[in-house]
């Protein structure tokens, strides 16, 4: 079984990248690609491959990630896991809001900036809080 860590830059899908000027893809699109590739490879003739994908609990696409397998026949070769942090578990215990974050240096845009811990960074980095309701046409 292969494990794919879908961390990337931590950008929300559809956001404009500052560094390359492109638009970020969502984790589910990459998983669909690998799911199809895995389905074409026969390991023993009986069972095809299996995949494991993980995504951090503060990634802006986490909601799409956890619901990616709800469509019948989608991502049949994938197991999905959410990487939770101690602060996330504290927020669950205390029933407090949990912001979805991505590094402010990675995207063009504006929003509330807070310091957050990121994989591969020794110290907290500036992150933009992704407010989902801002983009929801039923926000009221």
N, C-alpha and C. Protein backbone atom coordinates (compact mmCIF):
# COMPACT_ATOMS: atom_id res chain seq x y z
N UNK A 1 0.85 -1.17 0.00
CA UNK A 1 0.00 0.00 0.00
C UNK A 1 0.90 1.23 0.00
N UNK A 2 0.59 2.19 -0.86
CA UNK A 2 1.32 3.45 -0.92
C UNK A 2 0.60 4.47 -0.06
N UNK A 3 1.33 5.33 0.61
CA UNK A 3 0.74 6.43 1.37
C UNK A 3 1.12 7.73 0.69
N UNK A 4 0.14 8.55 0.36
CA UNK A 4 0.37 9.83 -0.28
C UNK A 4 0.00 10.92 0.70
N UNK A 5 0.92 11.81 0.98
CA UNK A 5 0.69 12.92 1.89
C UNK A 5 0.30 14.12 1.05
N UNK A 6 -0.96 14.49 1.11
CA UNK A 6 -1.49 15.56 0.26
C UNK A 6 -1.39 16.89 0.99
N UNK A 7 -0.19 17.35 1.16
CA UNK A 7 -0.02 18.60 1.88
C UNK A 7 0.23 19.76 0.95
N UNK A 8 1.04 19.59 -0.08
CA UNK A 8 1.31 20.65 -1.04
C UNK A 8 1.69 21.94 -0.35
N UNK A 9 1.18 23.05 -0.86
CA UNK A 9 1.48 24.35 -0.28
C UNK A 9 0.47 24.72 0.78
N UNK A 10 -0.56 23.92 0.94
CA UNK A 10 -1.61 24.26 1.88
C UNK A 10 -2.58 25.26 1.30
N UNK A 11 -2.57 25.43 0.00
CA UNK A 11 -3.48 26.37 -0.63
C UNK A 11 -4.86 25.77 -0.79
N UNK A 12 -5.88 26.59 -0.67
CA UNK A 12 -7.23 26.15 -0.95
C UNK A 12 -7.40 26.03 -2.44
N UNK A 13 -8.11 25.00 -2.88
CA UNK A 13 -8.29 24.81 -4.32
C UNK A 13 -8.98 26.03 -4.91
N UNK A 14 -8.55 26.38 -6.12
CA UNK A 14 -9.12 27.52 -6.82
C UNK A 14 -8.48 28.85 -6.48
N UNK A 15 -7.53 28.89 -5.52
CA UNK A 15 -6.89 30.15 -5.17
C UNK A 15 -5.71 30.42 -6.09
N UNK A 16 -5.43 31.69 -6.29
CA UNK A 16 -4.33 32.12 -7.14
C UNK A 16 -3.01 32.02 -6.37
N UNK A 17 -2.03 31.37 -6.96
CA UNK A 17 -0.72 31.24 -6.33
C UNK A 17 0.10 32.49 -6.57
N UNK A 18 0.78 32.95 -5.51
CA UNK A 18 1.67 34.11 -5.65
C UNK A 18 2.93 33.75 -6.42
N UNK A 19 3.45 32.55 -6.19
CA UNK A 19 4.77 32.22 -6.73
C UNK A 19 4.75 31.86 -8.21
N UNK A 20 3.76 31.10 -8.66
CA UNK A 20 3.75 30.68 -10.06
C UNK A 20 2.61 31.29 -10.86
N UNK A 21 1.66 31.93 -10.20
CA UNK A 21 0.56 32.56 -10.90
C UNK A 21 -0.54 31.61 -11.35
N UNK A 22 -0.39 30.34 -11.02
CA UNK A 22 -1.41 29.35 -11.39
C UNK A 22 -2.50 29.26 -10.36
N UNK A 23 -3.46 28.38 -10.62
CA UNK A 23 -4.57 28.15 -9.70
C UNK A 23 -4.37 26.78 -9.06
N UNK A 24 -4.56 26.72 -7.75
CA UNK A 24 -4.35 25.48 -6.99
C UNK A 24 -5.43 24.44 -7.30
N UNK A 25 -5.00 23.18 -7.44
CA UNK A 25 -5.93 22.08 -7.60
C UNK A 25 -6.31 21.56 -6.23
N UNK A 26 -7.43 20.84 -6.16
CA UNK A 26 -7.86 20.29 -4.87
C UNK A 26 -7.29 18.89 -4.69
N UNK A 27 -7.16 18.44 -3.45
CA UNK A 27 -6.60 17.10 -3.20
C UNK A 27 -7.40 15.98 -3.87
N UNK A 28 -8.72 16.13 -3.95
CA UNK A 28 -9.55 15.07 -4.53
C UNK A 28 -9.19 14.82 -5.99
N UNK A 29 -8.83 15.85 -6.74
CA UNK A 29 -8.48 15.65 -8.14
C UNK A 29 -7.20 14.82 -8.26
N UNK A 30 -6.24 15.03 -7.37
CA UNK A 30 -5.03 14.21 -7.39
C UNK A 30 -5.35 12.77 -6.98
N UNK A 31 -6.23 12.62 -5.99
CA UNK A 31 -6.59 11.27 -5.56
C UNK A 31 -7.30 10.51 -6.68
N UNK A 32 -8.15 11.19 -7.45
CA UNK A 32 -8.83 10.53 -8.57
C UNK A 32 -7.83 10.05 -9.61
N UNK A 33 -6.81 10.85 -9.86
CA UNK A 33 -5.76 10.46 -10.80
C UNK A 33 -5.04 9.20 -10.33
N UNK A 34 -4.62 9.20 -9.06
CA UNK A 34 -3.89 8.05 -8.53
C UNK A 34 -4.80 6.84 -8.38
N UNK A 35 -6.08 7.05 -8.09
CA UNK A 35 -7.03 5.95 -7.99
C UNK A 35 -7.16 5.25 -9.34
N UNK A 36 -7.26 6.04 -10.42
CA UNK A 36 -7.35 5.46 -11.76
C UNK A 36 -6.07 4.72 -12.12
N UNK A 37 -4.92 5.31 -11.82
CA UNK A 37 -3.64 4.65 -12.12
C UNK A 37 -3.51 3.36 -11.34
N UNK A 38 -3.90 3.38 -10.09
CA UNK A 38 -3.81 2.19 -9.24
C UNK A 38 -4.72 1.08 -9.77
N UNK A 39 -5.86 1.48 -10.33
CA UNK A 39 -6.78 0.49 -10.87
C UNK A 39 -6.28 -0.21 -12.12
N UNK A 40 -5.33 0.39 -12.80
CA UNK A 40 -4.81 -0.23 -14.02
C UNK A 40 -3.64 -1.16 -13.75
N UNK A 41 -3.09 -1.11 -12.57
CA UNK A 41 -1.93 -1.92 -12.21
C UNK A 41 -2.40 -3.16 -11.46
N UNK A 42 -2.13 -4.29 -12.00
CA UNK A 42 -2.52 -5.55 -11.36
C UNK A 42 -1.31 -6.12 -10.64
N UNK A 43 -1.43 -6.26 -9.32
CA UNK A 43 -0.28 -6.78 -8.58
C UNK A 43 -0.23 -8.30 -8.60
N UNK A 44 -1.33 -8.98 -8.41
CA UNK A 44 -1.33 -10.45 -8.41
C UNK A 44 -2.40 -11.01 -9.33
N UNK A 45 -3.12 -10.15 -9.97
CA UNK A 45 -4.20 -10.61 -10.83
C UNK A 45 -5.51 -10.72 -10.07
N UNK A 46 -5.46 -10.78 -8.76
CA UNK A 46 -6.66 -10.90 -7.95
C UNK A 46 -7.08 -9.55 -7.39
N UNK A 47 -6.16 -8.88 -6.78
CA UNK A 47 -6.45 -7.59 -6.17
C UNK A 47 -5.56 -6.53 -6.77
N UNK A 48 -6.14 -5.42 -7.09
CA UNK A 48 -5.36 -4.30 -7.61
C UNK A 48 -4.73 -3.58 -6.43
N UNK A 49 -4.08 -2.46 -6.66
CA UNK A 49 -3.39 -1.73 -5.61
C UNK A 49 -4.33 -1.08 -4.60
N UNK A 50 -3.74 -0.59 -3.54
CA UNK A 50 -4.48 0.15 -2.51
C UNK A 50 -3.70 1.42 -2.19
N UNK A 51 -4.41 2.49 -1.87
CA UNK A 51 -3.79 3.79 -1.60
C UNK A 51 -4.25 4.31 -0.25
N UNK A 52 -3.40 5.14 0.34
CA UNK A 52 -3.73 5.80 1.61
C UNK A 52 -3.38 7.27 1.43
N UNK A 53 -4.32 8.16 1.71
CA UNK A 53 -4.08 9.60 1.62
C UNK A 53 -4.36 10.24 2.97
N UNK A 54 -3.53 11.21 3.35
CA UNK A 54 -3.73 11.94 4.59
C UNK A 54 -3.73 13.44 4.30
N UNK A 55 -4.48 14.18 5.11
CA UNK A 55 -4.52 15.64 4.98
C UNK A 55 -4.67 16.22 6.38
N UNK A 56 -3.95 17.30 6.64
CA UNK A 56 -4.00 17.94 7.96
C UNK A 56 -5.38 18.54 8.23
N UNK A 57 -5.75 18.55 9.50
CA UNK A 57 -7.06 19.03 9.91
C UNK A 57 -7.26 20.53 9.68
N UNK A 58 -6.19 21.29 9.46
CA UNK A 58 -6.35 22.73 9.24
C UNK A 58 -6.21 23.11 7.77
N UNK A 59 -6.13 22.11 6.87
CA UNK A 59 -6.04 22.42 5.44
C UNK A 59 -7.38 22.98 4.95
N UNK A 60 -7.35 24.02 4.13
CA UNK A 60 -8.61 24.63 3.67
C UNK A 60 -9.53 23.69 2.88
N UNK A 61 -9.02 22.61 2.31
CA UNK A 61 -9.86 21.68 1.55
C UNK A 61 -10.27 20.45 2.36
N UNK A 62 -10.15 20.51 3.68
CA UNK A 62 -10.42 19.33 4.50
C UNK A 62 -11.86 18.84 4.38
N UNK A 63 -12.81 19.74 4.23
CA UNK A 63 -14.21 19.31 4.12
C UNK A 63 -14.44 18.51 2.84
N UNK A 64 -13.87 18.95 1.73
CA UNK A 64 -13.98 18.20 0.48
C UNK A 64 -13.26 16.86 0.59
N UNK A 65 -12.14 16.86 1.32
CA UNK A 65 -11.35 15.64 1.50
C UNK A 65 -12.15 14.57 2.24
N UNK A 66 -12.79 14.94 3.35
CA UNK A 66 -13.48 13.93 4.16
C UNK A 66 -14.77 13.44 3.50
N UNK A 67 -15.29 14.18 2.52
CA UNK A 67 -16.52 13.74 1.84
C UNK A 67 -16.23 13.19 0.44
N UNK A 68 -14.96 13.07 0.08
CA UNK A 68 -14.59 12.66 -1.29
C UNK A 68 -15.09 11.27 -1.66
N UNK A 69 -15.26 10.39 -0.71
CA UNK A 69 -15.67 9.02 -1.03
C UNK A 69 -17.18 8.82 -0.93
N UNK A 70 -17.93 9.87 -0.74
CA UNK A 70 -19.38 9.71 -0.58
C UNK A 70 -20.10 9.42 -1.89
N UNK A 71 -19.48 9.72 -3.02
CA UNK A 71 -20.09 9.38 -4.30
C UNK A 71 -19.79 7.92 -4.61
N UNK A 72 -20.81 7.20 -4.98
CA UNK A 72 -20.69 5.77 -5.26
C UNK A 72 -19.64 5.51 -6.34
N UNK A 73 -18.73 4.62 -6.06
CA UNK A 73 -17.71 4.23 -7.02
C UNK A 73 -16.50 5.14 -7.09
N UNK A 74 -16.47 6.22 -6.32
CA UNK A 74 -15.34 7.14 -6.35
C UNK A 74 -14.28 6.72 -5.34
N UNK A 75 -13.03 6.83 -5.74
CA UNK A 75 -11.87 6.57 -4.88
C UNK A 75 -11.99 5.21 -4.17
N UNK A 76 -12.33 4.18 -4.93
CA UNK A 76 -12.52 2.85 -4.36
C UNK A 76 -11.24 2.24 -3.82
N UNK A 77 -10.11 2.70 -4.30
CA UNK A 77 -8.83 2.12 -3.87
C UNK A 77 -8.15 2.95 -2.79
N UNK A 78 -8.85 3.92 -2.23
CA UNK A 78 -8.26 4.83 -1.25
C UNK A 78 -8.82 4.64 0.14
N UNK A 79 -7.92 4.71 1.11
CA UNK A 79 -8.27 4.92 2.51
C UNK A 79 -7.88 6.36 2.80
N UNK A 80 -8.72 7.08 3.51
CA UNK A 80 -8.46 8.48 3.81
C UNK A 80 -8.30 8.66 5.32
N UNK A 81 -7.32 9.45 5.71
CA UNK A 81 -7.09 9.75 7.12
C UNK A 81 -6.86 11.25 7.29
N UNK A 82 -7.41 11.79 8.35
CA UNK A 82 -7.19 13.19 8.69
C UNK A 82 -6.13 13.25 9.78
N UNK A 83 -5.10 14.06 9.53
CA UNK A 83 -4.04 14.24 10.51
C UNK A 83 -4.49 15.30 11.51
N UNK A 84 -4.78 14.88 12.73
CA UNK A 84 -5.26 15.83 13.74
C UNK A 84 -4.10 16.26 14.63
N UNK A 85 -4.23 17.46 15.16
CA UNK A 85 -3.20 18.04 16.02
C UNK A 85 -3.75 18.17 17.43
N UNK A 86 -2.87 18.38 18.39
CA UNK A 86 -3.31 18.60 19.77
C UNK A 86 -4.21 19.84 19.87
N UNK A 87 -3.87 20.96 19.21
CA UNK A 87 -4.78 22.11 19.27
C UNK A 87 -6.16 21.81 18.68
N UNK A 88 -6.23 20.99 17.64
CA UNK A 88 -7.52 20.61 17.08
C UNK A 88 -8.34 19.83 18.10
N UNK A 89 -7.70 18.86 18.75
CA UNK A 89 -8.42 18.07 19.75
C UNK A 89 -8.87 18.93 20.92
N UNK A 90 -8.06 19.93 21.29
CA UNK A 90 -8.47 20.86 22.35
C UNK A 90 -9.70 21.66 21.91
N UNK A 91 -9.73 22.08 20.64
CA UNK A 91 -10.89 22.81 20.13
C UNK A 91 -12.14 21.94 20.14
N UNK A 92 -11.99 20.65 19.84
CA UNK A 92 -13.13 19.72 19.89
C UNK A 92 -13.63 19.59 21.32
N UNK A 93 -12.68 19.37 22.26
CA UNK A 93 -13.08 19.23 23.66
C UNK A 93 -13.77 20.47 24.20
N UNK A 94 -13.29 21.65 23.77
CA UNK A 94 -13.84 22.91 24.28
C UNK A 94 -14.97 23.46 23.43
N UNK A 95 -15.34 22.74 22.37
CA UNK A 95 -16.40 23.17 21.45
C UNK A 95 -16.16 24.59 20.93
N UNK A 96 -14.93 24.84 20.49
CA UNK A 96 -14.58 26.16 19.94
C UNK A 96 -14.37 26.05 18.43
N UNK A 97 -14.38 27.20 17.77
CA UNK A 97 -14.18 27.24 16.32
C UNK A 97 -12.79 26.73 15.96
N UNK A 98 -12.70 26.14 14.77
CA UNK A 98 -11.42 25.67 14.25
C UNK A 98 -11.19 26.32 12.90
N UNK A 99 -10.23 27.25 12.80
CA UNK A 99 -10.00 27.94 11.53
C UNK A 99 -9.26 27.05 10.52
N UNK A 100 -9.64 27.19 9.26
CA UNK A 100 -8.91 26.52 8.18
C UNK A 100 -7.88 27.52 7.67
N UNK A 101 -6.61 27.11 7.60
CA UNK A 101 -5.51 28.03 7.36
C UNK A 101 -4.67 27.63 6.16
N UNK A 102 -4.03 28.61 5.56
CA UNK A 102 -3.00 28.33 4.58
C UNK A 102 -1.97 29.44 4.64
N UNK A 103 -0.71 29.13 4.32
CA UNK A 103 0.36 30.13 4.46
C UNK A 103 0.08 31.38 3.64
N UNK A 104 0.21 32.53 4.27
CA UNK A 104 -0.06 33.81 3.60
C UNK A 104 0.93 34.06 2.48
N UNK A 105 2.12 33.50 2.56
CA UNK A 105 3.13 33.72 1.53
C UNK A 105 2.82 32.96 0.24
N UNK A 106 1.90 32.00 0.31
CA UNK A 106 1.65 31.13 -0.84
C UNK A 106 0.59 31.66 -1.80
N UNK A 107 -0.32 32.51 -1.33
CA UNK A 107 -1.41 32.92 -2.21
C UNK A 107 -1.58 34.42 -2.24
N UNK A 108 -2.22 34.86 -3.29
CA UNK A 108 -2.59 36.27 -3.39
C UNK A 108 -3.98 36.40 -2.77
N UNK A 109 -4.19 37.39 -1.99
CA UNK A 109 -5.50 37.57 -1.38
C UNK A 109 -5.39 38.30 -0.07
N UNK A 110 -6.51 38.46 0.55
CA UNK A 110 -6.52 39.15 1.83
C UNK A 110 -7.39 38.36 2.79
N UNK A 111 -7.25 38.63 4.03
CA UNK A 111 -8.00 37.96 5.07
C UNK A 111 -7.27 38.16 6.39
N UNK A 112 -7.86 37.65 7.44
CA UNK A 112 -7.25 37.75 8.75
C UNK A 112 -5.96 36.94 8.77
N UNK A 113 -4.87 37.53 9.24
CA UNK A 113 -3.58 36.85 9.33
C UNK A 113 -3.32 36.46 10.78
N UNK A 114 -2.99 35.19 11.00
CA UNK A 114 -2.61 34.71 12.33
C UNK A 114 -1.34 33.88 12.19
N UNK A 115 -0.65 33.67 13.27
CA UNK A 115 0.54 32.81 13.28
C UNK A 115 0.07 31.37 13.48
N UNK A 116 0.59 30.45 12.66
CA UNK A 116 0.20 29.05 12.80
C UNK A 116 1.41 28.15 12.59
N UNK A 117 1.35 26.96 13.17
CA UNK A 117 2.40 25.97 12.99
C UNK A 117 2.12 25.21 11.71
N UNK A 118 3.15 24.97 10.91
CA UNK A 118 3.02 24.26 9.65
C UNK A 118 4.06 23.16 9.59
N UNK A 119 3.77 22.04 8.93
CA UNK A 119 4.76 20.98 8.78
C UNK A 119 5.99 21.51 8.05
N UNK A 120 7.15 21.16 8.54
CA UNK A 120 8.39 21.57 7.91
C UNK A 120 8.90 22.93 8.36
N UNK A 121 8.13 23.63 9.17
CA UNK A 121 8.57 24.94 9.69
C UNK A 121 8.95 24.79 11.15
N UNK A 122 10.09 25.35 11.49
CA UNK A 122 10.54 25.24 12.88
C UNK A 122 9.79 26.19 13.80
N UNK A 123 9.26 27.28 13.25
CA UNK A 123 8.52 28.25 14.05
C UNK A 123 7.22 28.61 13.34
N UNK A 124 6.26 29.19 14.04
CA UNK A 124 4.99 29.56 13.40
C UNK A 124 5.20 30.52 12.23
N UNK A 125 4.33 30.39 11.23
CA UNK A 125 4.38 31.24 10.04
C UNK A 125 3.07 32.01 9.90
N UNK A 126 3.06 33.16 9.22
CA UNK A 126 1.82 33.89 9.00
C UNK A 126 0.88 33.09 8.09
N UNK A 127 -0.36 32.93 8.52
CA UNK A 127 -1.36 32.20 7.75
C UNK A 127 -2.62 33.03 7.62
N UNK A 128 -3.32 32.83 6.51
CA UNK A 128 -4.61 33.49 6.29
C UNK A 128 -5.70 32.55 6.76
N UNK A 129 -6.66 33.08 7.51
CA UNK A 129 -7.81 32.30 7.95
C UNK A 129 -8.80 32.25 6.79
N UNK A 130 -9.19 31.06 6.39
CA UNK A 130 -10.14 30.87 5.30
C UNK A 130 -11.54 30.90 5.90
N UNK A 131 -12.30 31.94 5.54
CA UNK A 131 -13.67 32.02 6.04
C UNK A 131 -14.62 31.50 4.98
N UNK A 132 -15.08 30.27 5.20
CA UNK A 132 -15.92 29.60 4.21
C UNK A 132 -17.19 30.38 3.91
N UNK A 133 -17.81 30.95 4.93
CA UNK A 133 -19.07 31.66 4.71
C UNK A 133 -18.91 32.89 3.82
N UNK A 134 -17.71 33.44 3.72
CA UNK A 134 -17.48 34.59 2.86
C UNK A 134 -17.79 34.24 1.42
N UNK A 135 -17.57 33.01 1.01
CA UNK A 135 -17.80 32.58 -0.35
C UNK A 135 -19.15 31.89 -0.53
N UNK A 136 -19.92 31.74 0.51
CA UNK A 136 -21.20 31.05 0.48
C UNK A 136 -22.29 32.04 0.09
N UNK A 137 -23.04 31.74 -0.97
CA UNK A 137 -24.10 32.66 -1.38
C UNK A 137 -25.31 32.60 -0.45
N UNK A 138 -25.31 31.70 0.49
CA UNK A 138 -26.38 31.63 1.50
C UNK A 138 -25.85 32.02 2.88
N UNK A 139 -24.84 32.88 2.93
CA UNK A 139 -24.20 33.24 4.19
C UNK A 139 -25.16 33.83 5.20
N UNK A 140 -26.19 34.49 4.75
CA UNK A 140 -27.14 35.12 5.66
C UNK A 140 -27.97 34.08 6.37
